[in-house]
Amino acid sequence: MQERFATLDIFRGMTICFMIIVNSPGSGAPQWAPLDHAAWFGFTPTDLVFPSFLFAVGNALSFSKRNLKVIAVF
């Protein structure tokens, strides 16, 4: 079995944790401003969640594709 990239797993876990925090702020209380999406123009830390997740998925796919080439699946 191939060894896993711990940093990639940690980054992906932190991103998913941040997704949960951003999308479910709690019991109906007002959302904390940095965790709210920008209305149209602007940028908040929340706007980094999905691009970060895509970055992690792209890295994971590049590593898994390399392993699949070794066993001649593609």
C-alpha atoms as a PDB file:
ATOM      1  CA  MET A   1       0.000   0.000   0.000  1.00  0.00           C
ATOM      2  CA  GLN A   2       1.254   3.468  -0.876  1.00  0.00           C
ATOM      3  CA  GLU A   3       1.955   5.893   1.930  1.00  0.00           C
ATOM      4  CA  ARG A   4      -0.356   8.890   2.230  1.00  0.00           C
ATOM      5  CA  PHE A   5       0.633  12.539   2.116  1.00  0.00           C
ATOM      6  CA  ALA A   6      -0.130  13.713   5.641  1.00  0.00           C
ATOM      7  CA  THR A   7       0.038  17.401   4.767  1.00  0.00           C
ATOM      8  CA  LEU A   8      -2.515  16.957   1.992  1.00  0.00           C
ATOM      9  CA  ASP A   9      -4.833  15.044   4.344  1.00  0.00           C
ATOM     10  CA  ILE A  10      -4.498  17.759   7.003  1.00  0.00           C
ATOM     11  CA  PHE A  11      -5.130  20.532   4.480  1.00  0.00           C
ATOM     12  CA  ARG A  12      -8.174  18.723   3.079  1.00  0.00           C
ATOM     13  CA  GLY A  13      -9.523  18.114   6.593  1.00  0.00           C
ATOM     14  CA  MET A  14      -9.076  21.749   7.596  1.00  0.00           C
ATOM     15  CA  THR A  15     -10.826  22.854   4.404  1.00  0.00           C
ATOM     16  CA  ILE A  16     -13.808  20.572   5.030  1.00  0.00           C
ATOM     17  CA  CYS A  17     -13.972  21.735   8.656  1.00  0.00           C
ATOM     18  CA  PHE A  18     -14.014  25.349   7.466  1.00  0.00           C
ATOM     19  CA  MET A  19     -16.765  24.456   4.947  1.00  0.00           C
ATOM     20  CA  ILE A  20     -18.922  23.144   7.784  1.00  0.00           C
ATOM     21  CA  ILE A  21     -18.264  26.219   9.943  1.00  0.00           C
ATOM     22  CA  VAL A  22     -19.082  28.603   7.090  1.00  0.00           C
ATOM     23  CA  ASN A  23     -22.240  26.826   5.932  1.00  0.00           C
ATOM     24  CA  SER A  24     -23.790  26.170   9.350  1.00  0.00           C
ATOM     25  CA  PRO A  25     -23.087  29.134  11.620  1.00  0.00           C
ATOM     26  CA  GLY A  26     -25.236  27.919  14.493  1.00  0.00           C
ATOM     27  CA  SER A  27     -28.597  28.494  16.059  1.00  0.00           C
ATOM     28  CA  GLY A  28     -29.844  31.374  13.945  1.00  0.00           C
ATOM     29  CA  ALA A  29     -27.494  33.943  15.452  1.00  0.00           C
ATOM     30  CA  PRO A  30     -26.115  36.585  13.101  1.00  0.00           C
ATOM     31  CA  GLN A  31     -23.159  35.310  11.149  1.00  0.00           C
ATOM     32  CA  TRP A  32     -19.718  36.626  12.051  1.00  0.00           C
ATOM     33  CA  ALA A  33     -18.703  39.097   9.297  1.00  0.00           C
ATOM     34  CA  PRO A  34     -15.476  37.358   8.114  1.00  0.00           C
ATOM     35  CA  LEU A  35     -17.436  34.113   7.691  1.00  0.00           C
ATOM     36  CA  ASP A  36     -20.011  35.755   5.431  1.00  0.00           C
ATOM     37  CA  HIS A  37     -19.624  35.714   1.660  1.00  0.00           C
ATOM     38  CA  ALA A  38     -18.843  39.007  -0.035  1.00  0.00           C
ATOM     39  CA  ALA A  39     -22.002  40.564  -1.478  1.00  0.00           C
ATOM     40  CA  TRP A  40     -20.591  41.129  -4.969  1.00  0.00           C
ATOM     41  CA  PHE A  41     -17.341  43.034  -4.898  1.00  0.00           C
ATOM     42  CA  GLY A  42     -14.888  42.237  -2.174  1.00  0.00           C
ATOM     43  CA  PHE A  43     -13.216  39.299  -0.581  1.00  0.00           C
ATOM     44  CA  THR A  44     -13.565  37.440   2.714  1.00  0.00           C
ATOM     45  CA  PRO A  45     -11.809  34.316   4.065  1.00  0.00           C
ATOM     46  CA  THR A  46     -14.981  32.394   3.220  1.00  0.00           C
ATOM     47  CA  ASP A  47     -14.276  32.966  -0.462  1.00  0.00           C
ATOM     48  CA  LEU A  48     -11.117  30.841  -0.140  1.00  0.00           C
ATOM     49  CA  VAL A  49     -12.918  27.663   0.941  1.00  0.00           C
ATOM     50  CA  PHE A  50     -13.976  26.222  -2.415  1.00  0.00           C
ATOM     51  CA  PRO A  51     -10.759  27.129  -4.303  1.00  0.00           C
ATOM     52  CA  SER A  52      -8.759  25.538  -1.471  1.00  0.00           C
ATOM     53  CA  PHE A  53     -10.824  22.370  -1.732  1.00  0.00           C
ATOM     54  CA  LEU A  54     -10.327  22.248  -5.514  1.00  0.00           C
ATOM     55  CA  PHE A  55      -6.581  22.699  -4.999  1.00  0.00           C
ATOM     56  CA  ALA A  56      -6.524  19.731  -2.601  1.00  0.00           C
ATOM     57  CA  VAL A  57      -8.601  17.574  -4.955  1.00  0.00           C
ATOM     58  CA  GLY A  58      -6.365  18.441  -7.906  1.00  0.00           C
ATOM     59  CA  ASN A  59      -3.254  17.468  -5.979  1.00  0.00           C
ATOM     60  CA  ALA A  60      -4.815  14.210  -4.823  1.00  0.00           C
ATOM     61  CA  LEU A  61      -5.849  13.367  -8.384  1.00  0.00           C
ATOM     62  CA  SER A  62      -2.356  14.023  -9.706  1.00  0.00           C
ATOM     63  CA  PHE A  63      -0.871  11.647  -7.129  1.00  0.00           C
ATOM     64  CA  SER A  64      -3.476   8.938  -7.709  1.00  0.00           C
ATOM     65  CA  LYS A  65      -3.159   9.197 -11.501  1.00  0.00           C
ATOM     66  CA  ARG A  66       0.580   8.624 -11.197  1.00  0.00           C
ATOM     67  CA  ASN A  67      -0.096   5.459  -9.169  1.00  0.00           C
ATOM     68  CA  LEU A  68      -2.686   4.251 -11.675  1.00  0.00           C
ATOM     69  CA  LYS A  69      -0.204   4.637 -14.548  1.00  0.00           C
ATOM     70  CA  VAL A  70       2.188   2.373 -12.688  1.00  0.00           C
ATOM     71  CA  ILE A  71      -0.373  -0.429 -12.525  1.00  0.00           C
ATOM     72  CA  ALA A  72      -1.429   0.264 -16.175  1.00  0.00           C
ATOM     73  CA  VAL A  73      -5.060   1.205 -15.621  1.00  0.00           C
ATOM     74  CA  PHE A  74      -4.860   4.191 -18.012  1.00  0.00           C
END
